[in-house]
N, C-alpha and C. Protein backbone atom coordinates (compact mmCIF):
# COMPACT_ATOMS: atom_id res chain seq x y z
N MET A 1 -6.90 -15.34 5.24
CA MET A 1 -7.01 -14.51 4.05
C MET A 1 -6.91 -13.04 4.46
N LYS A 2 -6.25 -12.28 3.64
CA LYS A 2 -6.09 -10.84 3.88
C LYS A 2 -7.42 -10.12 3.68
N THR A 3 -7.60 -9.05 4.44
CA THR A 3 -8.80 -8.22 4.33
C THR A 3 -8.48 -7.00 3.48
N PHE A 4 -9.28 -6.78 2.44
CA PHE A 4 -9.12 -5.62 1.57
C PHE A 4 -10.20 -4.59 1.89
N GLY A 5 -9.78 -3.32 1.94
CA GLY A 5 -10.71 -2.23 2.16
C GLY A 5 -10.33 -1.03 1.32
N ILE A 6 -11.25 -0.08 1.23
CA ILE A 6 -10.95 1.16 0.49
C ILE A 6 -11.46 2.37 1.25
N TYR A 7 -10.72 3.46 1.07
CA TYR A 7 -11.17 4.78 1.48
C TYR A 7 -11.33 5.61 0.23
N ILE A 8 -12.44 6.31 0.15
CA ILE A 8 -12.67 7.26 -0.92
C ILE A 8 -12.81 8.61 -0.22
N ILE A 9 -11.82 9.47 -0.49
CA ILE A 9 -11.67 10.69 0.30
C ILE A 9 -11.96 11.92 -0.55
N GLY A 10 -12.77 12.82 0.01
CA GLY A 10 -12.99 14.10 -0.64
C GLY A 10 -14.39 14.64 -0.45
N ASP A 11 -14.46 15.91 -0.06
CA ASP A 11 -15.76 16.57 0.07
C ASP A 11 -16.52 16.59 -1.25
N GLU A 12 -15.80 16.61 -2.37
CA GLU A 12 -16.47 16.68 -3.68
C GLU A 12 -17.29 15.43 -3.96
N ILE A 13 -16.93 14.31 -3.41
CA ILE A 13 -17.72 13.08 -3.55
C ILE A 13 -18.95 13.17 -2.64
N LEU A 14 -18.73 13.58 -1.40
CA LEU A 14 -19.84 13.63 -0.43
C LEU A 14 -20.86 14.70 -0.77
N SER A 15 -20.44 15.77 -1.43
CA SER A 15 -21.37 16.84 -1.79
C SER A 15 -22.10 16.55 -3.10
N GLY A 16 -21.64 15.55 -3.84
CA GLY A 16 -22.26 15.23 -5.12
C GLY A 16 -21.67 15.98 -6.30
N LYS A 17 -20.64 16.79 -6.07
CA LYS A 17 -20.00 17.50 -7.19
C LYS A 17 -19.33 16.53 -8.14
N ARG A 18 -18.86 15.40 -7.60
CA ARG A 18 -18.28 14.33 -8.41
C ARG A 18 -18.89 13.01 -8.00
N GLN A 19 -19.02 12.13 -8.96
CA GLN A 19 -19.56 10.81 -8.70
C GLN A 19 -18.42 9.83 -8.44
N ASP A 20 -18.63 8.93 -7.50
CA ASP A 20 -17.63 7.91 -7.22
C ASP A 20 -17.55 6.91 -8.37
N ALA A 21 -16.33 6.59 -8.78
CA ALA A 21 -16.11 5.56 -9.80
C ALA A 21 -15.19 4.47 -9.25
N HIS A 22 -14.81 4.57 -7.98
CA HIS A 22 -13.79 3.68 -7.44
C HIS A 22 -14.36 2.39 -6.82
N LEU A 23 -15.48 2.49 -6.14
CA LEU A 23 -16.03 1.33 -5.44
C LEU A 23 -16.29 0.19 -6.42
N SER A 24 -17.03 0.44 -7.46
CA SER A 24 -17.34 -0.63 -8.42
C SER A 24 -16.08 -1.14 -9.11
N PHE A 25 -15.13 -0.24 -9.39
CA PHE A 25 -13.87 -0.67 -10.01
C PHE A 25 -13.12 -1.65 -9.11
N VAL A 26 -12.95 -1.30 -7.83
CA VAL A 26 -12.20 -2.16 -6.91
C VAL A 26 -12.91 -3.50 -6.72
N ILE A 27 -14.21 -3.48 -6.57
CA ILE A 27 -14.96 -4.74 -6.43
C ILE A 27 -14.66 -5.65 -7.62
N GLN A 28 -14.73 -5.12 -8.82
CA GLN A 28 -14.50 -5.92 -10.02
C GLN A 28 -13.03 -6.35 -10.16
N ALA A 29 -12.10 -5.44 -9.87
CA ALA A 29 -10.68 -5.77 -9.97
C ALA A 29 -10.32 -6.90 -9.01
N LEU A 30 -10.86 -6.87 -7.82
CA LEU A 30 -10.61 -7.93 -6.86
C LEU A 30 -11.30 -9.23 -7.29
N LYS A 31 -12.54 -9.11 -7.72
CA LYS A 31 -13.32 -10.29 -8.12
C LYS A 31 -12.64 -11.07 -9.24
N THR A 32 -12.12 -10.37 -10.24
CA THR A 32 -11.47 -11.07 -11.36
C THR A 32 -10.20 -11.78 -10.92
N ARG A 33 -9.70 -11.44 -9.75
CA ARG A 33 -8.48 -12.07 -9.21
C ARG A 33 -8.80 -13.04 -8.08
N GLY A 34 -10.10 -13.32 -7.90
CA GLY A 34 -10.51 -14.26 -6.86
C GLY A 34 -10.43 -13.68 -5.47
N LEU A 35 -10.52 -12.38 -5.35
CA LEU A 35 -10.43 -11.69 -4.07
C LEU A 35 -11.73 -10.93 -3.81
N GLN A 36 -11.90 -10.44 -2.58
CA GLN A 36 -13.15 -9.77 -2.23
C GLN A 36 -12.90 -8.55 -1.37
N LEU A 37 -13.66 -7.50 -1.63
CA LEU A 37 -13.61 -6.29 -0.82
C LEU A 37 -14.39 -6.53 0.46
N ALA A 38 -13.78 -6.24 1.61
CA ALA A 38 -14.43 -6.45 2.90
C ALA A 38 -15.15 -5.21 3.41
N TRP A 39 -14.63 -4.02 3.04
CA TRP A 39 -15.25 -2.80 3.54
C TRP A 39 -14.88 -1.61 2.66
N ALA A 40 -15.69 -0.56 2.74
CA ALA A 40 -15.45 0.69 2.03
C ALA A 40 -15.95 1.84 2.90
N ASN A 41 -15.15 2.90 2.98
CA ASN A 41 -15.52 4.08 3.75
C ASN A 41 -15.35 5.32 2.88
N PHE A 42 -16.32 6.18 2.92
CA PHE A 42 -16.24 7.49 2.27
C PHE A 42 -15.94 8.51 3.36
N LEU A 43 -14.90 9.31 3.15
CA LEU A 43 -14.47 10.27 4.16
C LEU A 43 -14.40 11.67 3.55
N GLY A 44 -14.80 12.65 4.32
CA GLY A 44 -14.64 14.03 3.91
C GLY A 44 -13.23 14.51 4.13
N ASP A 45 -12.97 15.74 3.74
CA ASP A 45 -11.64 16.33 3.90
C ASP A 45 -11.47 16.85 5.33
N ILE A 46 -11.54 15.93 6.28
CA ILE A 46 -11.43 16.25 7.70
C ILE A 46 -10.22 15.49 8.24
N PRO A 47 -9.10 16.20 8.48
CA PRO A 47 -7.87 15.50 8.86
C PRO A 47 -8.01 14.52 10.02
N GLU A 48 -8.72 14.90 11.07
CA GLU A 48 -8.86 14.01 12.23
C GLU A 48 -9.58 12.72 11.85
N GLN A 49 -10.57 12.84 11.01
CA GLN A 49 -11.32 11.66 10.56
C GLN A 49 -10.45 10.76 9.69
N ILE A 50 -9.71 11.35 8.78
CA ILE A 50 -8.84 10.58 7.90
C ILE A 50 -7.76 9.87 8.72
N THR A 51 -7.09 10.60 9.59
CA THR A 51 -6.03 10.02 10.42
C THR A 51 -6.56 8.89 11.29
N GLY A 52 -7.68 9.11 11.94
CA GLY A 52 -8.26 8.08 12.80
C GLY A 52 -8.62 6.82 12.04
N SER A 53 -9.18 6.99 10.87
CA SER A 53 -9.54 5.83 10.04
C SER A 53 -8.30 5.07 9.60
N LEU A 54 -7.28 5.80 9.16
CA LEU A 54 -6.04 5.15 8.72
C LEU A 54 -5.35 4.43 9.88
N LYS A 55 -5.33 5.04 11.06
CA LYS A 55 -4.72 4.37 12.22
C LYS A 55 -5.42 3.05 12.49
N ALA A 56 -6.74 3.05 12.41
CA ALA A 56 -7.51 1.83 12.69
C ALA A 56 -7.21 0.73 11.68
N SER A 57 -7.20 1.06 10.40
CA SER A 57 -6.95 0.02 9.40
C SER A 57 -5.49 -0.42 9.38
N MET A 58 -4.57 0.48 9.72
CA MET A 58 -3.16 0.07 9.84
C MET A 58 -2.99 -0.87 11.03
N ALA A 59 -3.70 -0.62 12.11
CA ALA A 59 -3.60 -1.48 13.29
C ALA A 59 -4.14 -2.89 13.00
N ARG A 60 -5.10 -2.99 12.09
CA ARG A 60 -5.66 -4.30 11.73
C ARG A 60 -4.83 -5.02 10.66
N SER A 61 -3.84 -4.34 10.09
CA SER A 61 -3.03 -4.89 8.99
C SER A 61 -3.85 -5.18 7.75
N ASP A 62 -4.92 -4.40 7.54
CA ASP A 62 -5.69 -4.54 6.31
C ASP A 62 -4.86 -4.08 5.12
N ILE A 63 -5.21 -4.56 3.95
CA ILE A 63 -4.69 -4.05 2.69
C ILE A 63 -5.70 -3.02 2.23
N VAL A 64 -5.26 -1.77 2.07
CA VAL A 64 -6.20 -0.68 1.84
C VAL A 64 -5.78 0.14 0.62
N PHE A 65 -6.76 0.45 -0.20
CA PHE A 65 -6.59 1.37 -1.32
C PHE A 65 -7.30 2.66 -0.94
N SER A 66 -6.57 3.77 -1.03
CA SER A 66 -7.11 5.07 -0.66
C SER A 66 -7.09 5.97 -1.88
N PHE A 67 -8.25 6.49 -2.23
CA PHE A 67 -8.42 7.32 -3.41
C PHE A 67 -8.66 8.77 -3.00
N GLY A 68 -7.81 9.69 -3.49
CA GLY A 68 -8.04 11.11 -3.30
C GLY A 68 -7.26 11.72 -2.16
N GLY A 69 -7.17 13.05 -2.23
CA GLY A 69 -6.56 13.81 -1.15
C GLY A 69 -5.05 13.87 -1.17
N ILE A 70 -4.42 13.48 -2.30
CA ILE A 70 -2.95 13.51 -2.34
C ILE A 70 -2.42 14.52 -3.35
N GLY A 71 -3.26 15.46 -3.74
CA GLY A 71 -2.83 16.50 -4.67
C GLY A 71 -2.10 17.63 -3.96
N ALA A 72 -2.08 18.79 -4.60
CA ALA A 72 -1.35 19.93 -4.06
C ALA A 72 -2.28 21.10 -3.73
N THR A 73 -3.56 20.83 -3.54
CA THR A 73 -4.48 21.89 -3.17
C THR A 73 -4.62 21.95 -1.65
N PRO A 74 -5.10 23.06 -1.12
CA PRO A 74 -5.16 23.23 0.33
C PRO A 74 -6.03 22.19 1.06
N ASP A 75 -6.96 21.55 0.36
CA ASP A 75 -7.82 20.56 1.02
C ASP A 75 -7.29 19.13 0.90
N ASP A 76 -6.07 18.96 0.40
CA ASP A 76 -5.47 17.64 0.26
C ASP A 76 -4.62 17.32 1.49
N PHE A 77 -5.24 16.62 2.45
CA PHE A 77 -4.62 16.34 3.73
C PHE A 77 -4.11 14.91 3.86
N THR A 78 -4.41 14.06 2.89
CA THR A 78 -4.19 12.63 3.07
C THR A 78 -2.74 12.25 3.27
N ARG A 79 -1.81 12.92 2.60
CA ARG A 79 -0.39 12.59 2.78
C ARG A 79 0.03 12.79 4.23
N GLN A 80 -0.32 13.95 4.80
CA GLN A 80 0.03 14.21 6.20
C GLN A 80 -0.72 13.27 7.13
N CYS A 81 -1.96 13.00 6.85
CA CYS A 81 -2.74 12.09 7.70
C CYS A 81 -2.14 10.69 7.69
N ALA A 82 -1.67 10.23 6.53
CA ALA A 82 -1.04 8.91 6.45
C ALA A 82 0.23 8.88 7.28
N ALA A 83 1.01 9.94 7.22
CA ALA A 83 2.22 10.01 8.03
C ALA A 83 1.87 9.99 9.52
N ASP A 84 0.88 10.78 9.91
CA ASP A 84 0.46 10.82 11.30
C ASP A 84 -0.03 9.44 11.77
N ALA A 85 -0.82 8.78 10.93
CA ALA A 85 -1.34 7.46 11.29
C ALA A 85 -0.22 6.43 11.43
N ALA A 86 0.81 6.55 10.60
CA ALA A 86 1.94 5.62 10.64
C ALA A 86 2.97 6.01 11.70
N GLY A 87 2.82 7.19 12.28
CA GLY A 87 3.74 7.65 13.32
C GLY A 87 5.10 8.06 12.78
N VAL A 88 5.11 8.62 11.56
CA VAL A 88 6.36 9.06 10.94
C VAL A 88 6.20 10.49 10.44
N ALA A 89 7.32 11.10 10.10
CA ALA A 89 7.31 12.45 9.54
C ALA A 89 7.05 12.40 8.03
N ILE A 90 6.71 13.57 7.51
CA ILE A 90 6.62 13.75 6.05
C ILE A 90 8.02 14.13 5.57
N GLU A 91 8.41 13.58 4.42
CA GLU A 91 9.66 13.98 3.80
C GLU A 91 9.49 13.97 2.29
N ARG A 92 10.29 14.76 1.64
CA ARG A 92 10.26 14.82 0.18
C ARG A 92 10.95 13.57 -0.37
N HIS A 93 10.25 12.81 -1.19
CA HIS A 93 10.75 11.56 -1.75
C HIS A 93 11.50 11.86 -3.04
N ALA A 94 12.79 11.57 -3.07
CA ALA A 94 13.64 11.90 -4.22
C ALA A 94 13.14 11.26 -5.51
N GLY A 95 12.69 10.03 -5.44
CA GLY A 95 12.18 9.36 -6.64
C GLY A 95 10.92 10.01 -7.18
N ALA A 96 10.05 10.45 -6.28
CA ALA A 96 8.83 11.14 -6.70
C ALA A 96 9.16 12.50 -7.31
N VAL A 97 10.14 13.20 -6.72
CA VAL A 97 10.58 14.48 -7.28
C VAL A 97 11.11 14.28 -8.70
N ALA A 98 11.92 13.25 -8.89
CA ALA A 98 12.50 12.98 -10.21
C ALA A 98 11.41 12.73 -11.25
N GLU A 99 10.37 12.02 -10.88
CA GLU A 99 9.26 11.75 -11.80
C GLU A 99 8.53 13.05 -12.15
N ILE A 100 8.25 13.86 -11.14
CA ILE A 100 7.54 15.13 -11.38
C ILE A 100 8.39 16.06 -12.24
N GLU A 101 9.68 16.16 -11.95
CA GLU A 101 10.56 17.01 -12.76
C GLU A 101 10.67 16.49 -14.19
N ALA A 102 10.71 15.18 -14.36
CA ALA A 102 10.79 14.61 -15.71
C ALA A 102 9.54 14.94 -16.53
N GLN A 103 8.42 15.02 -15.87
CA GLN A 103 7.16 15.31 -16.56
C GLN A 103 6.97 16.81 -16.79
N TYR A 104 7.29 17.63 -15.79
CA TYR A 104 6.92 19.04 -15.83
C TYR A 104 8.09 20.01 -15.92
N GLY A 105 9.31 19.54 -15.79
CA GLY A 105 10.46 20.44 -15.84
C GLY A 105 10.36 21.51 -14.78
N GLU A 106 10.65 22.76 -15.17
CA GLU A 106 10.57 23.88 -14.22
C GLU A 106 9.14 24.11 -13.71
N GLY A 107 8.16 23.63 -14.46
CA GLY A 107 6.77 23.74 -14.04
C GLY A 107 6.45 22.90 -12.81
N ALA A 108 7.41 22.08 -12.38
CA ALA A 108 7.23 21.29 -11.16
C ALA A 108 7.21 22.18 -9.92
N TYR A 109 7.79 23.37 -10.06
CA TYR A 109 7.94 24.28 -8.92
C TYR A 109 7.05 25.50 -9.09
N PRO A 110 6.47 25.99 -8.03
CA PRO A 110 6.64 25.62 -6.62
C PRO A 110 5.60 24.62 -6.12
N LYS A 111 4.52 24.36 -6.88
CA LYS A 111 3.39 23.60 -6.34
C LYS A 111 3.43 22.09 -6.60
N ARG A 112 3.67 21.69 -7.84
CA ARG A 112 3.58 20.25 -8.15
C ARG A 112 4.53 19.41 -7.31
N VAL A 113 5.69 19.94 -7.00
CA VAL A 113 6.68 19.19 -6.22
C VAL A 113 6.16 18.85 -4.82
N LEU A 114 5.18 19.59 -4.34
CA LEU A 114 4.58 19.26 -3.04
C LEU A 114 3.97 17.86 -3.04
N MET A 115 3.60 17.38 -4.22
CA MET A 115 3.01 16.04 -4.33
C MET A 115 4.05 14.93 -4.19
N ALA A 116 5.30 15.29 -3.92
CA ALA A 116 6.37 14.32 -3.64
C ALA A 116 6.67 14.25 -2.15
N ASP A 117 5.89 14.93 -1.33
CA ASP A 117 6.05 14.88 0.12
C ASP A 117 5.21 13.71 0.65
N PHE A 118 5.92 12.66 1.09
CA PHE A 118 5.27 11.43 1.51
C PHE A 118 5.69 11.07 2.93
N PRO A 119 4.95 10.17 3.56
CA PRO A 119 5.40 9.68 4.86
C PRO A 119 6.79 9.04 4.73
N GLN A 120 7.61 9.26 5.71
CA GLN A 120 8.95 8.70 5.72
C GLN A 120 8.86 7.18 5.57
N GLY A 121 9.67 6.65 4.64
CA GLY A 121 9.69 5.21 4.40
C GLY A 121 8.69 4.74 3.36
N ALA A 122 7.90 5.64 2.80
CA ALA A 122 6.91 5.24 1.79
C ALA A 122 7.61 4.80 0.51
N THR A 123 6.95 3.91 -0.21
CA THR A 123 7.42 3.48 -1.53
C THR A 123 6.49 4.07 -2.58
N LEU A 124 6.96 4.11 -3.82
CA LEU A 124 6.20 4.75 -4.89
C LEU A 124 5.27 3.78 -5.60
N ILE A 125 4.15 4.34 -6.05
CA ILE A 125 3.24 3.66 -6.96
C ILE A 125 3.30 4.44 -8.27
N PRO A 126 3.78 3.82 -9.34
CA PRO A 126 3.94 4.56 -10.59
C PRO A 126 2.60 5.01 -11.18
N ASN A 127 2.62 6.21 -11.74
CA ASN A 127 1.45 6.78 -12.39
C ASN A 127 1.76 6.90 -13.88
N PRO A 128 1.18 6.03 -14.71
CA PRO A 128 1.51 6.04 -16.14
C PRO A 128 0.90 7.22 -16.90
N VAL A 129 0.00 7.95 -16.28
CA VAL A 129 -0.67 9.05 -16.98
C VAL A 129 0.17 10.33 -16.94
N ASN A 130 0.56 10.78 -15.74
CA ASN A 130 1.30 12.04 -15.66
C ASN A 130 2.57 11.97 -14.80
N ARG A 131 2.94 10.77 -14.39
CA ARG A 131 4.18 10.52 -13.65
C ARG A 131 4.20 11.10 -12.24
N VAL A 132 3.08 11.62 -11.74
CA VAL A 132 3.00 12.05 -10.35
C VAL A 132 2.61 10.81 -9.54
N ALA A 133 3.59 10.25 -8.86
CA ALA A 133 3.43 8.96 -8.19
C ALA A 133 2.46 9.02 -7.03
N GLY A 134 1.85 7.88 -6.77
CA GLY A 134 1.17 7.65 -5.52
C GLY A 134 2.20 7.06 -4.57
N PHE A 135 1.75 6.64 -3.38
CA PHE A 135 2.69 6.09 -2.42
C PHE A 135 2.03 4.98 -1.60
N ALA A 136 2.89 4.17 -1.00
CA ALA A 136 2.43 3.07 -0.17
C ALA A 136 3.18 3.07 1.16
N ILE A 137 2.44 2.78 2.21
CA ILE A 137 3.04 2.59 3.53
C ILE A 137 2.11 1.69 4.33
N ASN A 138 2.67 0.71 5.02
CA ASN A 138 1.89 -0.20 5.88
C ASN A 138 0.73 -0.87 5.16
N GLN A 139 0.99 -1.39 3.96
CA GLN A 139 -0.03 -2.06 3.14
C GLN A 139 -1.21 -1.15 2.81
N HIS A 140 -0.99 0.15 2.83
CA HIS A 140 -1.98 1.14 2.43
C HIS A 140 -1.44 1.82 1.17
N TYR A 141 -2.27 1.90 0.15
CA TYR A 141 -1.86 2.37 -1.17
C TYR A 141 -2.67 3.62 -1.51
N PHE A 142 -1.97 4.74 -1.64
CA PHE A 142 -2.59 6.04 -1.81
C PHE A 142 -2.44 6.50 -3.25
N VAL A 143 -3.57 6.74 -3.90
CA VAL A 143 -3.58 7.13 -5.31
C VAL A 143 -4.49 8.35 -5.49
N PRO A 144 -4.36 9.03 -6.63
CA PRO A 144 -5.21 10.20 -6.88
C PRO A 144 -6.70 9.81 -6.95
N GLY A 145 -7.53 10.82 -6.84
CA GLY A 145 -8.96 10.60 -6.95
C GLY A 145 -9.45 10.46 -8.38
N PHE A 146 -8.60 10.73 -9.35
CA PHE A 146 -9.00 10.67 -10.76
C PHE A 146 -8.92 9.25 -11.28
N PRO A 147 -10.06 8.66 -11.68
CA PRO A 147 -10.07 7.26 -12.12
C PRO A 147 -9.11 6.96 -13.26
N GLU A 148 -8.93 7.91 -14.17
CA GLU A 148 -8.06 7.65 -15.32
C GLU A 148 -6.61 7.42 -14.89
N MET A 149 -6.25 7.87 -13.71
CA MET A 149 -4.92 7.60 -13.16
C MET A 149 -4.97 6.45 -12.16
N SER A 150 -5.86 6.55 -11.22
CA SER A 150 -5.84 5.65 -10.06
C SER A 150 -6.14 4.20 -10.41
N HIS A 151 -6.99 3.95 -11.36
CA HIS A 151 -7.37 2.57 -11.63
C HIS A 151 -6.20 1.75 -12.17
N SER A 152 -5.42 2.32 -13.05
CA SER A 152 -4.25 1.59 -13.53
C SER A 152 -3.21 1.44 -12.42
N MET A 153 -3.15 2.39 -11.53
CA MET A 153 -2.21 2.31 -10.41
C MET A 153 -2.61 1.18 -9.45
N ILE A 154 -3.89 1.04 -9.17
CA ILE A 154 -4.36 -0.03 -8.29
C ILE A 154 -4.17 -1.38 -8.96
N THR A 155 -4.41 -1.46 -10.24
CA THR A 155 -4.15 -2.70 -10.98
C THR A 155 -2.68 -3.09 -10.85
N TRP A 156 -1.79 -2.13 -10.97
CA TRP A 156 -0.36 -2.38 -10.82
C TRP A 156 -0.06 -2.91 -9.42
N VAL A 157 -0.65 -2.29 -8.39
CA VAL A 157 -0.42 -2.74 -7.00
C VAL A 157 -0.86 -4.19 -6.84
N LEU A 158 -2.05 -4.50 -7.29
CA LEU A 158 -2.56 -5.87 -7.15
C LEU A 158 -1.65 -6.87 -7.85
N ASP A 159 -1.32 -6.59 -9.10
CA ASP A 159 -0.54 -7.54 -9.90
C ASP A 159 0.92 -7.63 -9.44
N THR A 160 1.44 -6.56 -8.87
CA THR A 160 2.83 -6.54 -8.42
C THR A 160 3.01 -7.12 -7.02
N HIS A 161 2.09 -6.81 -6.12
CA HIS A 161 2.27 -7.18 -4.71
C HIS A 161 1.39 -8.31 -4.20
N TYR A 162 0.30 -8.62 -4.90
CA TYR A 162 -0.64 -9.58 -4.32
C TYR A 162 -1.01 -10.73 -5.24
N ALA A 163 -0.25 -10.97 -6.29
CA ALA A 163 -0.54 -12.09 -7.20
C ALA A 163 -0.56 -13.42 -6.45
N HIS A 164 0.23 -13.53 -5.40
CA HIS A 164 0.27 -14.78 -4.63
C HIS A 164 -1.06 -15.08 -3.93
N LEU A 165 -1.94 -14.10 -3.82
CA LEU A 165 -3.25 -14.29 -3.19
C LEU A 165 -4.35 -14.61 -4.20
N PHE A 166 -4.07 -14.41 -5.48
CA PHE A 166 -5.13 -14.57 -6.49
C PHE A 166 -5.69 -16.00 -6.48
N HIS A 167 -7.00 -16.06 -6.49
CA HIS A 167 -7.75 -17.32 -6.61
C HIS A 167 -7.36 -18.36 -5.56
N THR A 168 -7.07 -17.89 -4.35
CA THR A 168 -6.76 -18.83 -3.26
C THR A 168 -7.98 -19.08 -2.38
N GLN A 169 -9.05 -18.35 -2.57
CA GLN A 169 -10.29 -18.51 -1.80
C GLN A 169 -11.45 -18.60 -2.78
N ASP A 170 -12.49 -19.26 -2.38
CA ASP A 170 -13.72 -19.31 -3.18
C ASP A 170 -14.71 -18.28 -2.62
N TYR A 171 -15.16 -17.38 -3.49
CA TYR A 171 -16.16 -16.39 -3.07
C TYR A 171 -17.41 -16.55 -3.90
């Protein structure tokens, strides 16, 4: 059976400025599909910590949902950390750019388009709220920290990529 884990990334969670809404969501989303969460880690906005954690879970071939740190603010390091952990460069993803431009037009530049810089070879996770995609690489799925976006994105990942695992184990 595959091992599922989550990273919840951001100093705002650890400082108490924002409350976590992801752990209970993922537990329930997996449970309703006959799956179980094996681990959860809360990480601050510390690039070395994020990269090291991602390298470890990629080496184990875990299926991982990562919440936060993929925006366009100076403390959003997760995109680069994911690339470093996967051993690839960051590149601007044409499909992600198209989604951002479709949503924001000229307002996509100069900052919003930075959210289309993903690890080389990453695939997109559609965002039905504002069309700023998340990304996936090495069975790791990176979504925004905002529950109103990320939860539907994780549901899409589960139903699109892991339906073959649903209700195959008794928990």
